[in-house]
């Protein structure tokens, strides 16, 4: 079951804002996940937050919930982690969600 585009866009925007302000990944996940209306996304984010607490990178922590994300979502996060540009990765995901929003609503 996929999460709706609007919830993913808001989550990505919130993550970008939190990370850009210097918050650690675990706290950013907690704040960003709490603000979403998608129960499924909240559940995946909560589990990822616990996994990050045990030392897993964000992309690996989100992997168990991969079925709720579009196929491009986790690879973009992995690329952001690998290059040290996680904020820009989440900004890109937010912009993409915003751009395709009207088309998604029509379909």
Protein backbone atom coordinates (compact mmCIF):
# COMPACT_ATOMS: atom_id res chain seq x y z
CA UNK A 1 0.00 0.00 0.00
CA UNK A 2 1.50 3.30 -1.10
CA UNK A 3 1.30 6.48 0.92
CA UNK A 4 -0.40 9.42 -0.74
CA UNK A 5 1.78 11.91 -2.58
CA UNK A 6 0.78 14.87 -0.41
CA UNK A 7 1.82 13.12 2.82
CA UNK A 8 5.16 12.12 1.30
CA UNK A 9 5.78 15.67 0.11
CA UNK A 10 5.06 17.12 3.53
CA UNK A 11 7.23 14.49 5.19
CA UNK A 12 10.13 15.24 2.82
CA UNK A 13 9.76 19.00 3.34
CA UNK A 14 9.68 18.61 7.10
CA UNK A 15 12.74 16.32 7.06
CA UNK A 16 14.65 18.83 4.91
CA UNK A 17 13.77 21.68 7.28
CA UNK A 18 14.66 19.73 10.43
CA UNK A 19 17.97 18.44 9.04
CA UNK A 20 18.91 21.87 7.66
CA UNK A 21 18.39 23.36 11.11
CA UNK A 22 20.89 20.90 12.57
CA UNK A 23 18.58 18.43 14.25
CA UNK A 24 19.79 14.82 14.38
CA UNK A 25 18.10 12.28 12.11
CA UNK A 26 16.20 10.58 14.96
CA UNK A 27 14.66 13.85 16.18
CA UNK A 28 13.92 14.92 12.59
CA UNK A 29 12.11 11.64 11.98
CA UNK A 30 10.14 12.01 15.18
CA UNK A 31 8.97 15.54 14.34
CA UNK A 32 8.33 14.87 10.66
CA UNK A 33 6.46 11.63 11.25
CA UNK A 34 4.27 13.10 13.94
CA UNK A 35 3.01 15.76 11.53
CA UNK A 36 1.73 13.39 8.86
CA UNK A 37 -1.88 12.33 8.51
CA UNK A 38 -0.91 8.93 7.09
CA UNK A 39 -1.00 6.27 9.80
CA UNK A 40 1.10 3.93 7.68
CA UNK A 41 3.82 6.55 7.21
CA UNK A 42 3.78 7.36 10.93
CA UNK A 43 4.26 3.67 11.74
CA UNK A 44 7.18 3.29 9.30
CA UNK A 45 8.81 6.50 10.55
CA UNK A 46 8.46 5.42 14.19
CA UNK A 47 10.15 2.08 13.41
CA UNK A 48 12.87 3.88 11.42
CA UNK A 49 13.49 6.24 14.31
CA UNK A 50 14.07 3.28 16.62
CA UNK A 51 16.40 1.68 14.07
CA UNK A 52 18.39 4.91 13.71
CA UNK A 53 18.72 4.92 17.47
CA UNK A 54 20.48 1.55 17.16
CA UNK A 55 22.94 3.00 14.62
CA UNK A 56 21.40 2.19 11.24
CA UNK A 57 21.66 4.82 8.48
CA UNK A 58 18.35 6.46 7.57
CA UNK A 59 17.96 4.71 4.21
CA UNK A 60 18.42 1.29 5.81
CA UNK A 61 16.11 2.20 8.67
CA UNK A 62 13.34 3.09 6.19
CA UNK A 63 13.90 -0.04 4.08
CA UNK A 64 11.40 -2.29 5.93
CA UNK A 65 8.67 0.16 4.89
CA UNK A 66 9.82 0.38 1.27
CA UNK A 67 6.43 -0.77 -0.05
CA UNK A 68 4.76 2.49 1.02
CA UNK A 69 7.22 4.70 -0.86
CA UNK A 70 7.47 5.29 -4.62
CA UNK A 71 10.41 3.43 -6.18
CA UNK A 72 12.56 6.55 -6.45
CA UNK A 73 12.18 7.65 -2.81
CA UNK A 74 14.72 5.46 -0.98
CA UNK A 75 17.42 5.59 -3.71
CA UNK A 76 17.34 9.40 -3.54
CA UNK A 77 17.79 9.23 0.24
CA UNK A 78 20.67 6.74 -0.18
CA UNK A 79 22.34 9.08 -2.67
CA UNK A 80 21.90 11.99 -0.26
CA UNK A 81 23.52 10.02 2.55
CA UNK A 82 26.39 8.85 0.35
CA UNK A 83 27.19 12.38 -0.83
CA UNK A 84 26.56 14.18 2.45
CA UNK A 85 23.64 16.07 0.91
CA UNK A 86 20.68 14.58 2.73
CA UNK A 87 18.96 17.96 3.09
CA UNK A 88 19.09 18.49 -0.68
CA UNK A 89 17.80 14.94 -1.24
CA UNK A 90 14.73 15.63 0.87
CA UNK A 91 14.24 19.00 -0.82
CA UNK A 92 14.33 17.25 -4.19
CA UNK A 93 11.76 14.69 -3.03
CA UNK A 94 9.50 17.48 -1.78
CA UNK A 95 9.80 19.42 -5.05
CA UNK A 96 9.10 16.30 -7.08
CA UNK A 97 5.99 15.49 -5.01
CA UNK A 98 4.80 19.08 -5.43
CA UNK A 99 5.37 19.01 -9.22
CA UNK A 100 3.53 15.75 -9.84
CA UNK A 101 0.73 16.52 -7.38
CA UNK A 102 -1.77 17.85 -9.96
CA UNK A 103 -1.22 14.84 -12.23
CA UNK A 104 -1.58 12.39 -9.35
CA UNK A 105 -4.86 14.00 -8.33
CA UNK A 106 -6.22 13.67 -11.88
CA UNK A 107 -5.35 9.98 -12.06
